Structure formats: C-alpha cells, structure tokens
Amino acid sequence: MRKFGTLLLWTLLFTVLPMVAKAEDGSSSGDSWGYAIGAGLAVGLAGLGCGIGQGLTAGNTTAGIARNPGAAGAMFTNFILGMVLIESISIYGLVIAFMLQGKI
C-alpha cells in the first residue's frame, strides 16, 4: 500500500507541475493543459503496457525453448511476430500523443 501511495504522489506531482509552470508563464489560455496530460498518458501507458507484454512474451518463450529445444525455430518465429505486434501498440500511443500535441 505504501508503494501505491508513493506512486500516486509522484503521478500527482508530475501532473500538476506542468500546470504550475504554465501559470507562471502568464499565458491566459488554460484550454490546452488537458491535451498535454493526454499526450503524456498516451505515451506512458502505451509504453508501460508494451513493456509488460514484451517481458511476459520473452520470458515465456525462453521457458518454452528451455523445455523443448527442438521447437526453438517455430517459437522464435512466433516470438518475433509477437514482439512486432506489441511494438505497434506503442507506436499507436506515440501517434496519438503527436496528434494531441499538435492541438496545443
């Protein structure tokens, strides 16, 4: 529970900090802070999900090859295909972030 509280505190800090910096800038347009947070969340959550997915895929493929070394060729092909599909999700997050960044 303590780690969750620390994570929540850091998330809140990094969410509020850009708004404070924009307030000190003196600009009167307060409409674009939601786009900035959305862009950051798009990249961050896509990266987090892809990292977890790649870790699980690599670990399970390595365990499968260790159990049955004869099937390494077929497993490696599926492993590479899975990694490519997982990476496409992070690229979608980056594209969404660029689209939101263009609205700022």
PDB file of N, CA and C in Angstrom:
ATOM      1  N   MET A   1       0.830  -1.192   0.000  1.00  0.00           N
ATOM      2  CA  MET A   1       0.000   0.000   0.000  1.00  0.00           C
ATOM      3  C   MET A   1       0.869   1.249   0.000  1.00  0.00           C
ATOM      4  N   ARG A   2       2.020   1.162   0.654  1.00  0.00           N
ATOM      5  CA  ARG A   2       2.922   2.306   0.721  1.00  0.00           C
ATOM      6  C   ARG A   2       3.483   2.646  -0.660  1.00  0.00           C
ATOM      7  N   LYS A   3       3.789   1.614  -1.443  1.00  0.00           N
ATOM      8  CA  LYS A   3       4.304   1.853  -2.791  1.00  0.00           C
ATOM      9  C   LYS A   3       3.245   2.508  -3.674  1.00  0.00           C
ATOM     10  N   PHE A   4       1.989   2.083  -3.502  1.00  0.00           N
ATOM     11  CA  PHE A   4       0.912   2.682  -4.281  1.00  0.00           C
ATOM     12  C   PHE A   4       0.752   4.161  -3.928  1.00  0.00           C
ATOM     13  N   GLY A   5       0.846   4.484  -2.648  1.00  0.00           N
ATOM     14  CA  GLY A   5       0.749   5.884  -2.223  1.00  0.00           C
ATOM     15  C   GLY A   5       1.883   6.718  -2.794  1.00  0.00           C
ATOM     16  N   THR A   6       3.092   6.159  -2.796  1.00  0.00           N
ATOM     17  CA  THR A   6       4.236   6.868  -3.365  1.00  0.00           C
ATOM     18  C   THR A   6       4.049   7.070  -4.864  1.00  0.00           C
ATOM     19  N   LEU A   7       3.574   6.047  -5.556  1.00  0.00           N
ATOM     20  CA  LEU A   7       3.323   6.161  -6.989  1.00  0.00           C
ATOM     21  C   LEU A   7       2.250   7.211  -7.271  1.00  0.00           C
ATOM     22  N   LEU A   8       1.211   7.220  -6.470  1.00  0.00           N
ATOM     23  CA  LEU A   8       0.150   8.203  -6.638  1.00  0.00           C
ATOM     24  C   LEU A   8       0.658   9.619  -6.396  1.00  0.00           C
ATOM     25  N   LEU A   9       1.512   9.775  -5.403  1.00  0.00           N
ATOM     26  CA  LEU A   9       2.079  11.092  -5.110  1.00  0.00           C
ATOM     27  C   LEU A   9       2.949  11.595  -6.259  1.00  0.00           C
ATOM     28  N   TRP A  10       3.805  10.739  -6.796  1.00  0.00           N
ATOM     29  CA  TRP A  10       4.660  11.145  -7.913  1.00  0.00           C
ATOM     30  C   TRP A  10       3.833  11.442  -9.163  1.00  0.00           C
ATOM     31  N   THR A  11       2.799  10.645  -9.396  1.00  0.00           N
ATOM     32  CA  THR A  11       1.933  10.902 -10.544  1.00  0.00           C
ATOM     33  C   THR A  11       1.242  12.243 -10.415  1.00  0.00           C
ATOM     34  N   LEU A  12       0.750  12.536  -9.224  1.00  0.00           N
ATOM     35  CA  LEU A  12       0.115  13.821  -8.980  1.00  0.00           C
ATOM     36  C   LEU A  12       1.106  14.964  -9.165  1.00  0.00           C
ATOM     37  N   LEU A  13       2.328  14.780  -8.683  1.00  0.00           N
ATOM     38  CA  LEU A  13       3.351  15.812  -8.826  1.00  0.00           C
ATOM     39  C   LEU A  13       3.650  16.096 -10.295  1.00  0.00           C
ATOM     40  N   PHE A  14       3.835  15.040 -11.089  1.00  0.00           N
ATOM     41  CA  PHE A  14       4.163  15.246 -12.491  1.00  0.00           C
ATOM     42  C   PHE A  14       2.966  15.709 -13.308  1.00  0.00           C
ATOM     43  N   THR A  15       1.765  15.534 -12.778  1.00  0.00           N
ATOM     44  CA  THR A  15       0.582  16.041 -13.451  1.00  0.00           C
ATOM     45  C   THR A  15       0.378  17.520 -13.169  1.00  0.00           C
ATOM     46  N   VAL A  16       0.625  17.936 -11.944  1.00  0.00           N
ATOM     47  CA  VAL A  16       0.376  19.315 -11.533  1.00  0.00           C
ATOM     48  C   VAL A  16       1.535  20.235 -11.912  1.00  0.00           C
ATOM     49  N   LEU A  17       2.740  19.724 -11.958  1.00  0.00           N
ATOM     50  CA  LEU A  17       3.913  20.559 -12.227  1.00  0.00           C
ATOM     51  C   LEU A  17       3.834  21.315 -13.551  1.00  0.00           C
ATOM     52  N   PRO A  18       3.436  20.704 -14.672  1.00  0.00           N
ATOM     53  CA  PRO A  18       3.320  21.491 -15.911  1.00  0.00           C
ATOM     54  C   PRO A  18       2.267  22.593 -15.821  1.00  0.00           C
ATOM     55  N   MET A  19       1.189  22.352 -15.052  1.00  0.00           N
ATOM     56  CA  MET A  19       0.163  23.385 -14.910  1.00  0.00           C
ATOM     57  C   MET A  19       0.691  24.577 -14.124  1.00  0.00           C
ATOM     58  N   VAL A  20       1.518  24.304 -13.118  1.00  0.00           N
ATOM     59  CA  VAL A  20       2.108  25.389 -12.333  1.00  0.00           C
ATOM     60  C   VAL A  20       3.072  26.191 -13.198  1.00  0.00           C
ATOM     61  N   ALA A  21       3.871  25.507 -14.005  1.00  0.00           N
ATOM     62  CA  ALA A  21       4.812  26.204 -14.874  1.00  0.00           C
ATOM     63  C   ALA A  21       4.073  27.049 -15.903  1.00  0.00           C
ATOM     64  N   LYS A  22       2.967  26.572 -16.419  1.00  0.00           N
ATOM     65  CA  LYS A  22       2.188  27.345 -17.384  1.00  0.00           C
ATOM     66  C   LYS A  22       1.537  28.551 -16.713  1.00  0.00           C
ATOM     67  N   ALA A  23       1.136  28.401 -15.453  1.00  0.00           N
ATOM     68  CA  ALA A  23       0.521  29.512 -14.733  1.00  0.00           C
ATOM     69  C   ALA A  23       1.540  30.626 -14.494  1.00  0.00           C
ATOM     70  N   GLU A  24       2.793  30.269 -14.228  1.00  0.00           N
ATOM     71  CA  GLU A  24       3.822  31.276 -14.022  1.00  0.00           C
ATOM     72  C   GLU A  24       4.225  31.944 -15.320  1.00  0.00           C
ATOM     73  N   ASP A  25       3.970  31.279 -16.429  1.00  0.00           N
ATOM     74  CA  ASP A  25       4.312  31.832 -17.734  1.00  0.00           C
ATOM     75  C   ASP A  25       3.464  33.060 -18.042  1.00  0.00           C
ATOM     76  N   GLY A  26       2.275  33.140 -17.496  1.00  0.00           N
ATOM     77  CA  GLY A  26       1.420  34.286 -17.707  1.00  0.00           C
ATOM     78  C   GLY A  26       0.507  34.147 -18.896  1.00  0.00           C
ATOM     79  N   SER A  27       0.528  33.023 -19.550  1.00  0.00           N
ATOM     80  CA  SER A  27      -0.366  32.852 -20.694  1.00  0.00           C
ATOM     81  C   SER A  27      -1.782  32.617 -20.186  1.00  0.00           C
ATOM     82  N   SER A  28      -2.730  33.156 -20.898  1.00  0.00           N
ATOM     83  CA  SER A  28      -4.108  33.110 -20.416  1.00  0.00           C
ATOM     84  C   SER A  28      -4.894  31.928 -20.965  1.00  0.00           C
ATOM     85  N   SER A  29      -4.325  31.194 -21.895  1.00  0.00           N
ATOM     86  CA  SER A  29      -5.080  30.077 -22.472  1.00  0.00           C
ATOM     87  C   SER A  29      -4.939  28.861 -21.557  1.00  0.00           C
ATOM     88  N   GLY A  30      -5.987  28.549 -20.856  1.00  0.00           N
ATOM     89  CA  GLY A  30      -5.967  27.409 -19.959  1.00  0.00           C
ATOM     90  C   GLY A  30      -6.629  26.194 -20.558  1.00  0.00           C
ATOM     91  N   ASP A  31      -6.870  26.211 -21.857  1.00  0.00           N
ATOM     92  CA  ASP A  31      -7.591  25.123 -22.501  1.00  0.00           C
ATOM     93  C   ASP A  31      -6.702  23.943 -22.870  1.00  0.00           C
ATOM     94  N   SER A  32      -5.407  24.145 -22.984  1.00  0.00           N
ATOM     95  CA  SER A  32      -4.554  23.121 -23.572  1.00  0.00           C
ATOM     96  C   SER A  32      -3.889  22.202 -22.559  1.00  0.00           C
ATOM     97  N   TRP A  33      -4.105  22.383 -21.276  1.00  0.00           N
ATOM     98  CA  TRP A  33      -3.426  21.514 -20.322  1.00  0.00           C
ATOM     99  C   TRP A  33      -3.953  20.088 -20.392  1.00  0.00           C
ATOM    100  N   GLY A  34      -5.208  19.904 -20.755  1.00  0.00           N
ATOM    101  CA  GLY A  34      -5.762  18.557 -20.885  1.00  0.00           C
ATOM    102  C   GLY A  34      -5.123  17.788 -22.032  1.00  0.00           C
ATOM    103  N   TYR A  35      -4.807  18.503 -23.117  1.00  0.00           N
ATOM    104  CA  TYR A  35      -4.134  17.846 -24.241  1.00  0.00           C
ATOM    105  C   TYR A  35      -2.732  17.396 -23.846  1.00  0.00           C
ATOM    106  N   ALA A  36      -2.043  18.212 -23.060  1.00  0.00           N
ATOM    107  CA  ALA A  36      -0.687  17.860 -22.642  1.00  0.00           C
ATOM    108  C   ALA A  36      -0.701  16.635 -21.733  1.00  0.00           C
ATOM    109  N   ILE A  37      -1.638  16.590 -20.815  1.00  0.00           N
ATOM    110  CA  ILE A  37      -1.734  15.432 -19.930  1.00  0.00           C
ATOM    111  C   ILE A  37      -2.140  14.194 -20.731  1.00  0.00           C
ATOM    112  N   GLY A  38      -3.053  14.358 -21.682  1.00  0.00           N
ATOM    113  CA  GLY A  38      -3.467  13.237 -22.523  1.00  0.00           C
ATOM    114  C   GLY A  38      -2.327  12.684 -23.358  1.00  0.00           C
ATOM    115  N   ALA A  39      -1.485  13.581 -23.885  1.00  0.00           N
ATOM    116  CA  ALA A  39      -0.339  13.134 -24.678  1.00  0.00           C
ATOM    117  C   ALA A  39       0.648  12.368 -23.806  1.00  0.00           C
ATOM    118  N   GLY A  40       0.896  12.879 -22.623  1.00  0.00           N
ATOM    119  CA  GLY A  40       1.809  12.187 -21.713  1.00  0.00           C
ATOM    120  C   GLY A  40       1.274  10.831 -21.291  1.00  0.00           C
ATOM    121  N   LEU A  41      -0.013  10.768 -21.001  1.00  0.00           N
ATOM    122  CA  LEU A  41      -0.609   9.492 -20.613  1.00  0.00           C
ATOM    123  C   LEU A  41      -0.635   8.505 -21.771  1.00  0.00           C
ATOM    124  N   ALA A  42      -0.843   8.994 -22.987  1.00  0.00           N
ATOM    125  CA  ALA A  42      -0.864   8.101 -24.150  1.00  0.00           C
ATOM    126  C   ALA A  42       0.480   7.410 -24.325  1.00  0.00           C
ATOM    127  N   VAL A  43       1.547   8.168 -24.243  1.00  0.00           N
ATOM    128  CA  VAL A  43       2.871   7.576 -24.408  1.00  0.00           C
ATOM    129  C   VAL A  43       3.235   6.715 -23.204  1.00  0.00           C
ATOM    130  N   GLY A  44       2.937   7.219 -22.017  1.00  0.00           N
ATOM    131  CA  GLY A  44       3.317   6.493 -20.808  1.00  0.00           C
ATOM    132  C   GLY A  44       2.594   5.169 -20.649  1.00  0.00           C
ATOM    133  N   LEU A  45       1.293   5.167 -20.825  1.00  0.00           N
ATOM    134  CA  LEU A  45       0.542   3.929 -20.662  1.00  0.00           C
ATOM    135  C   LEU A  45       0.818   2.938 -21.788  1.00  0.00           C
ATOM    136  N   ALA A  46       1.014   3.455 -22.996  1.00  0.00           N
ATOM    137  CA  ALA A  46       1.366   2.554 -24.103  1.00  0.00           C
ATOM    138  C   ALA A  46       2.728   1.915 -23.849  1.00  0.00           C
ATOM    139  N   GLY A  47       3.670   2.706 -23.368  1.00  0.00           N
ATOM    140  CA  GLY A  47       4.993   2.160 -23.058  1.00  0.00           C
ATOM    141  C   GLY A  47       4.954   1.162 -21.918  1.00  0.00           C
ATOM    142  N   LEU A  48       4.161   1.454 -20.899  1.00  0.00           N
ATOM    143  CA  LEU A  48       4.038   0.546 -19.761  1.00  0.00           C
ATOM    144  C   LEU A  48       3.418  -0.777 -20.188  1.00  0.00           C
ATOM    145  N   GLY A  49       2.339  -0.700 -20.932  1.00  0.00           N
ATOM    146  CA  GLY A  49       1.685  -1.930 -21.384  1.00  0.00           C
ATOM    147  C   GLY A  49       2.576  -2.757 -22.300  1.00  0.00           C
ATOM    148  N   CYS A  50       3.292  -2.080 -23.175  1.00  0.00           N
ATOM    149  CA  CYS A  50       4.178  -2.806 -24.096  1.00  0.00           C
ATOM    150  C   CYS A  50       5.360  -3.431 -23.361  1.00  0.00           C
ATOM    151  N   GLY A  51       5.870  -2.731 -22.368  1.00  0.00           N
ATOM    152  CA  GLY A  51       6.975  -3.293 -21.581  1.00  0.00           C
ATOM    153  C   GLY A  51       6.551  -4.550 -20.843  1.00  0.00           C
ATOM    154  N   ILE A  52       5.369  -4.511 -20.252  1.00  0.00           N
ATOM    155  CA  ILE A  52       4.864  -5.701 -19.552  1.00  0.00           C
ATOM    156  C   ILE A  52       4.632  -6.840 -20.547  1.00  0.00           C
ATOM    157  N   GLY A  53       4.035  -6.517 -21.683  1.00  0.00           N
ATOM    158  CA  GLY A  53       3.768  -7.542 -22.687  1.00  0.00           C
ATOM    159  C   GLY A  53       5.040  -8.161 -23.251  1.00  0.00           C
ATOM    160  N   GLN A  54       6.033  -7.335 -23.503  1.00  0.00           N
ATOM    161  CA  GLN A  54       7.286  -7.856 -24.037  1.00  0.00           C
ATOM    162  C   GLN A  54       8.012  -8.708 -23.006  1.00  0.00           C
ATOM    163  N   GLY A  55       7.955  -8.301 -21.747  1.00  0.00           N
ATOM    164  CA  GLY A  55       8.588  -9.097 -20.707  1.00  0.00           C
ATOM    165  C   GLY A  55       7.941 -10.469 -20.561  1.00  0.00           C
ATOM    166  N   LEU A  56       6.622 -10.504 -20.577  1.00  0.00           N
ATOM    167  CA  LEU A  56       5.930 -11.785 -20.488  1.00  0.00           C
ATOM    168  C   LEU A  56       6.205 -12.658 -21.709  1.00  0.00           C
ATOM    169  N   THR A  57       6.209 -12.052 -22.873  1.00  0.00           N
ATOM    170  CA  THR A  57       6.460 -12.813 -24.103  1.00  0.00           C
ATOM    171  C   THR A  57       7.870 -13.387 -24.122  1.00  0.00           C
ATOM    172  N   ALA A  58       8.847 -12.564 -23.785  1.00  0.00           N
ATOM    173  CA  ALA A  58      10.236 -13.038 -23.793  1.00  0.00           C
ATOM    174  C   ALA A  58      10.458 -14.118 -22.737  1.00  0.00           C
ATOM    175  N   GLY A  59       9.884 -13.924 -21.569  1.00  0.00           N
ATOM    176  CA  GLY A  59      10.057 -14.914 -20.512  1.00  0.00           C
ATOM    177  C   GLY A  59       9.427 -16.250 -20.843  1.00  0.00           C
ATOM    178  N   ASN A  60       8.210 -16.207 -21.368  1.00  0.00           N
ATOM    179  CA  ASN A  60       7.536 -17.456 -21.708  1.00  0.00           C
ATOM    180  C   ASN A  60       8.185 -18.153 -22.899  1.00  0.00           C
ATOM    181  N   THR A  61       8.685 -17.393 -23.856  1.00  0.00           N
ATOM    182  CA  THR A  61       9.380 -18.010 -24.991  1.00  0.00           C
ATOM    183  C   THR A  61      10.678 -18.658 -24.536  1.00  0.00           C
ATOM    184  N   THR A  62      11.405 -17.981 -23.663  1.00  0.00           N
ATOM    185  CA  THR A  62      12.651 -18.555 -23.144  1.00  0.00           C
ATOM    186  C   THR A  62      12.369 -19.828 -22.354  1.00  0.00           C
ATOM    187  N   ALA A  63      11.320 -19.820 -21.538  1.00  0.00           N
ATOM    188  CA  ALA A  63      10.965 -21.024 -20.779  1.00  0.00           C
ATOM    189  C   ALA A  63      10.544 -22.150 -21.715  1.00  0.00           C
ATOM    190  N   GLY A  64       9.814 -21.824 -22.777  1.00  0.00           N
ATOM    191  CA  GLY A  64       9.399 -22.843 -23.735  1.00  0.00           C
ATOM    192  C   GLY A  64      10.568 -23.450 -24.479  1.00  0.00           C
ATOM    193  N   ILE A  65      11.525 -22.623 -24.854  1.00  0.00           N
ATOM    194  CA  ILE A  65      12.711 -23.139 -25.555  1.00  0.00           C
ATOM    195  C   ILE A  65      13.558 -23.977 -24.609  1.00  0.00           C
ATOM    196  N   ALA A  66      13.609 -23.590 -23.331  1.00  0.00           N
ATOM    197  CA  ALA A  66      14.373 -24.376 -22.362  1.00  0.00           C
ATOM    198  C   ALA A  66      13.738 -25.754 -22.147  1.00  0.00           C
ATOM    199  N   ARG A  67      12.424 -25.839 -22.208  1.00  0.00           N
ATOM    200  CA  ARG A  67      11.741 -27.122 -22.020  1.00  0.00           C
ATOM    201  C   ARG A  67      11.816 -27.999 -23.259  1.00  0.00           C
ATOM    202  N   ASN A  68      11.780 -27.381 -24.442  1.00  0.00           N
ATOM    203  CA  ASN A  68      11.781 -28.148 -25.683  1.00  0.00           C
ATOM    204  C   ASN A  68      12.694 -27.456 -26.690  1.00  0.00           C
ATOM    205  N   PRO A  69      13.992 -27.711 -26.627  1.00  0.00           N
ATOM    206  CA  PRO A  69      14.922 -27.023 -27.532  1.00  0.00           C
ATOM    207  C   PRO A  69      14.691 -27.349 -29.011  1.00  0.00           C
ATOM    208  N   GLY A  70      14.040 -28.439 -29.313  1.00  0.00           N
ATOM    209  CA  GLY A  70      13.789 -28.805 -30.704  1.00  0.00           C
ATOM    210  C   GLY A  70      12.782 -27.880 -31.384  1.00  0.00           C
ATOM    211  N   ALA A  71      11.938 -27.240 -30.605  1.00  0.00           N
ATOM    212  CA  ALA A  71      10.916 -26.361 -31.175  1.00  0.00           C
ATOM    213  C   ALA A  71      11.343 -24.897 -31.163  1.00  0.00           C
ATOM    214  N   ALA A  72      12.628 -24.656 -31.013  1.00  0.00           N
ATOM    215  CA  ALA A  72      13.120 -23.282 -30.904  1.00  0.00           C
ATOM    216  C   ALA A  72      12.850 -22.469 -32.165  1.00  0.00           C
ATOM    217  N   GLY A  73      12.945 -23.079 -33.342  1.00  0.00           N
ATOM    218  CA  GLY A  73      12.719 -22.346 -34.583  1.00  0.00           C
ATOM    219  C   GLY A  73      11.302 -21.821 -34.701  1.00  0.00           C
ATOM    220  N   ALA A  74      10.331 -22.676 -34.423  1.00  0.00           N
ATOM    221  CA  ALA A  74       8.926 -22.258 -34.505  1.00  0.00           C
ATOM    222  C   ALA A  74       8.592 -21.240 -33.420  1.00  0.00           C
ATOM    223  N   MET A  75       9.144 -21.444 -32.233  1.00  0.00           N
ATOM    224  CA  MET A  75       8.890 -20.497 -31.149  1.00  0.00           C
ATOM    225  C   MET A  75       9.527 -19.141 -31.431  1.00  0.00           C
ATOM    226  N   PHE A  76      10.698 -19.155 -32.028  1.00  0.00           N
ATOM    227  CA  PHE A  76      11.378 -17.890 -32.308  1.00  0.00           C
ATOM    228  C   PHE A  76      10.601 -17.075 -33.338  1.00  0.00           C
ATOM    229  N   THR A  77      10.035 -17.747 -34.339  1.00  0.00           N
ATOM    230  CA  THR A  77       9.244 -17.042 -35.343  1.00  0.00           C
ATOM    231  C   THR A  77       8.012 -16.391 -34.706  1.00  0.00           C
ATOM    232  N   ASN A  78       7.327 -17.136 -33.865  1.00  0.00           N
ATOM    233  CA  ASN A  78       6.168 -16.581 -33.176  1.00  0.00           C
ATOM    234  C   ASN A  78       6.576 -15.483 -32.197  1.00  0.00           C
ATOM    235  N   PHE A  79       7.730 -15.623 -31.582  1.00  0.00           N
ATOM    236  CA  PHE A  79       8.243 -14.616 -30.658  1.00  0.00           C
ATOM    237  C   PHE A  79       8.482 -13.287 -31.382  1.00  0.00           C
ATOM    238  N   ILE A  80       9.131 -13.338 -32.518  1.00  0.00           N
ATOM    239  CA  ILE A  80       9.404 -12.117 -33.281  1.00  0.00           C
ATOM    240  C   ILE A  80       8.103 -11.481 -33.761  1.00  0.00           C
ATOM    241  N   LEU A  81       7.175 -12.289 -34.240  1.00  0.00           N
ATOM    242  CA  LEU A  81       5.885 -11.768 -34.684  1.00  0.00           C
ATOM    243  C   LEU A  81       5.132 -11.123 -33.520  1.00  0.00           C
ATOM    244  N   GLY A  82       5.154 -11.736 -32.360  1.00  0.00           N
ATOM    245  CA  GLY A  82       4.511 -11.161 -31.185  1.00  0.00           C
ATOM    246  C   GLY A  82       5.143  -9.852 -30.762  1.00  0.00           C
ATOM    247  N   MET A  83       6.467  -9.785 -30.800  1.00  0.00           N
ATOM    248  CA  MET A  83       7.159  -8.547 -30.428  1.00  0.00           C
ATOM    249  C   MET A  83       6.814  -7.411 -31.388  1.00  0.00           C
ATOM    250  N   VAL A  84       6.709  -7.721 -32.655  1.00  0.00           N
ATOM    251  CA  VAL A  84       6.355  -6.691 -33.641  1.00  0.00           C
ATOM    252  C   VAL A  84       4.952  -6.161 -33.375  1.00  0.00           C
ATOM    253  N   LEU A  85       4.019  -7.046 -33.086  1.00  0.00           N
ATOM    254  CA  LEU A  85       2.655  -6.615 -32.802  1.00  0.00           C
ATOM    255  C   LEU A  85       2.566  -5.823 -31.504  1.00  0.00           C
ATOM    256  N   ILE A  86       3.349  -6.197 -30.517  1.00  0.00           N
ATOM    257  CA  ILE A  86       3.367  -5.453 -29.257  1.00  0.00           C
ATOM    258  C   ILE A  86       3.952  -4.057 -29.480  1.00  0.00           C
ATOM    259  N   GLU A  87       4.997  -3.956 -30.260  1.00  0.00           N
ATOM    260  CA  GLU A  87       5.606  -2.651 -30.532  1.00  0.00           C
ATOM    261  C   GLU A  87       4.671  -1.733 -31.305  1.00  0.00           C
ATOM    262  N   SER A  88       3.788  -2.313 -32.123  1.00  0.00           N
ATOM    263  CA  SER A  88       2.864  -1.463 -32.867  1.00  0.00           C
ATOM    264  C   SER A  88       1.926  -0.713 -31.923  1.00  0.00           C
ATOM    265  N   ILE A  89       1.621  -1.283 -30.775  1.00  0.00           N
ATOM    266  CA  ILE A  89       0.768  -0.602 -29.802  1.00  0.00           C
ATOM    267  C   ILE A  89       1.464   0.645 -29.267  1.00  0.00           C
ATOM    268  N   SER A  90       2.750   0.557 -28.997  1.00  0.00           N
ATOM    269  CA  SER A  90       3.467   1.740 -28.500  1.00  0.00           C
ATOM    270  C   SER A  90       3.586   2.802 -29.590  1.00  0.00           C
ATOM    271  N   ILE A  91       3.675   2.388 -30.834  1.00  0.00           N
ATOM    272  CA  ILE A  91       3.714   3.364 -31.926  1.00  0.00           C
ATOM    273  C   ILE A  91       2.372   4.074 -32.056  1.00  0.00           C
ATOM    274  N   TYR A  92       1.270   3.336 -31.845  1.00  0.00           N
ATOM    275  CA  TYR A  92      -0.044   3.980 -31.839  1.00  0.00           C
ATOM    276  C   TYR A  92      -0.130   5.021 -30.732  1.00  0.00           C
ATOM    277  N   GLY A  93       0.394   4.705 -29.551  1.00  0.00           N
ATOM    278  CA  GLY A  93       0.410   5.675 -28.453  1.00  0.00           C
ATOM    279  C   GLY A  93       1.213   6.911 -28.804  1.00  0.00           C
ATOM    280  N   LEU A  94       2.335   6.720 -29.491  1.00  0.00           N
ATOM    281  CA  LEU A  94       3.163   7.858 -29.910  1.00  0.00           C
ATOM    282  C   LEU A  94       2.437   8.713 -30.945  1.00  0.00           C
ATOM    283  N   VAL A  95       1.745   8.082 -31.875  1.00  0.00           N
ATOM    284  CA  VAL A  95       0.991   8.824 -32.889  1.00  0.00           C
ATOM    285  C   VAL A  95      -0.131   9.630 -32.236  1.00  0.00           C
ATOM    286  N   ILE A  96      -0.828   9.037 -31.285  1.00  0.00           N
ATOM    287  CA  ILE A  96      -1.887   9.756 -30.583  1.00  0.00           C
ATOM    288  C   ILE A  96      -1.305  10.934 -29.816  1.00  0.00           C
ATOM    289  N   ALA A  97      -0.147  10.736 -29.190  1.00  0.00           N
ATOM    290  CA  ALA A  97       0.486  11.828 -28.460  1.00  0.00           C
ATOM    291  C   ALA A  97       0.876  12.971 -29.395  1.00  0.00           C
ATOM    292  N   PHE A  98       1.395  12.643 -30.574  1.00  0.00           N
ATOM    293  CA  PHE A  98       1.739  13.693 -31.541  1.00  0.00           C
ATOM    294  C   PHE A  98       0.486  14.429 -32.022  1.00  0.00           C
ATOM    295  N   MET A  99      -0.599  13.707 -32.200  1.00  0.00           N
ATOM    296  CA  MET A  99      -1.834  14.348 -32.626  1.00  0.00           C
ATOM    297  C   MET A  99      -2.358  15.289 -31.536  1.00  0.00           C
ATOM    298  N   LEU A 100      -2.285  14.858 -30.286  1.00  0.00           N
ATOM    299  CA  LEU A 100      -2.717  15.727 -29.189  1.00  0.00           C
ATOM    300  C   LEU A 100      -1.777  16.906 -28.992  1.00  0.00           C
ATOM    301  N   GLN A 101      -0.497  16.664 -29.198  1.00  0.00           N
ATOM    302  CA  GLN A 101       0.497  17.743 -29.046  1.00  0.00           C
ATOM    303  C   GLN A 101       0.272  18.827 -30.103  1.00  0.00           C
ATOM    304  N   GLY A 102      -0.215  18.437 -31.264  1.00  0.00           N
ATOM    305  CA  GLY A 102      -0.483  19.411 -32.312  1.00  0.00           C
ATOM    306  C   GLY A 102      -1.652  20.321 -31.992  1.00  0.00           C
ATOM    307  N   LYS A 103      -2.505  19.946 -31.061  1.00  0.00           N
ATOM    308  CA  LYS A 103      -3.643  20.775 -30.670  1.00  0.00           C
ATOM    309  C   LYS A 103      -3.274  21.812 -29.622  1.00  0.00           C
ATOM    310  N   ILE A 104      -2.099  21.717 -29.059  1.00  0.00           N
ATOM    311  CA  ILE A 104      -1.692  22.658 -28.008  1.00  0.00           C
ATOM    312  C   ILE A 104      -1.294  23.987 -28.611  1.00  0.00           C
TER     313      ILE A 104
END
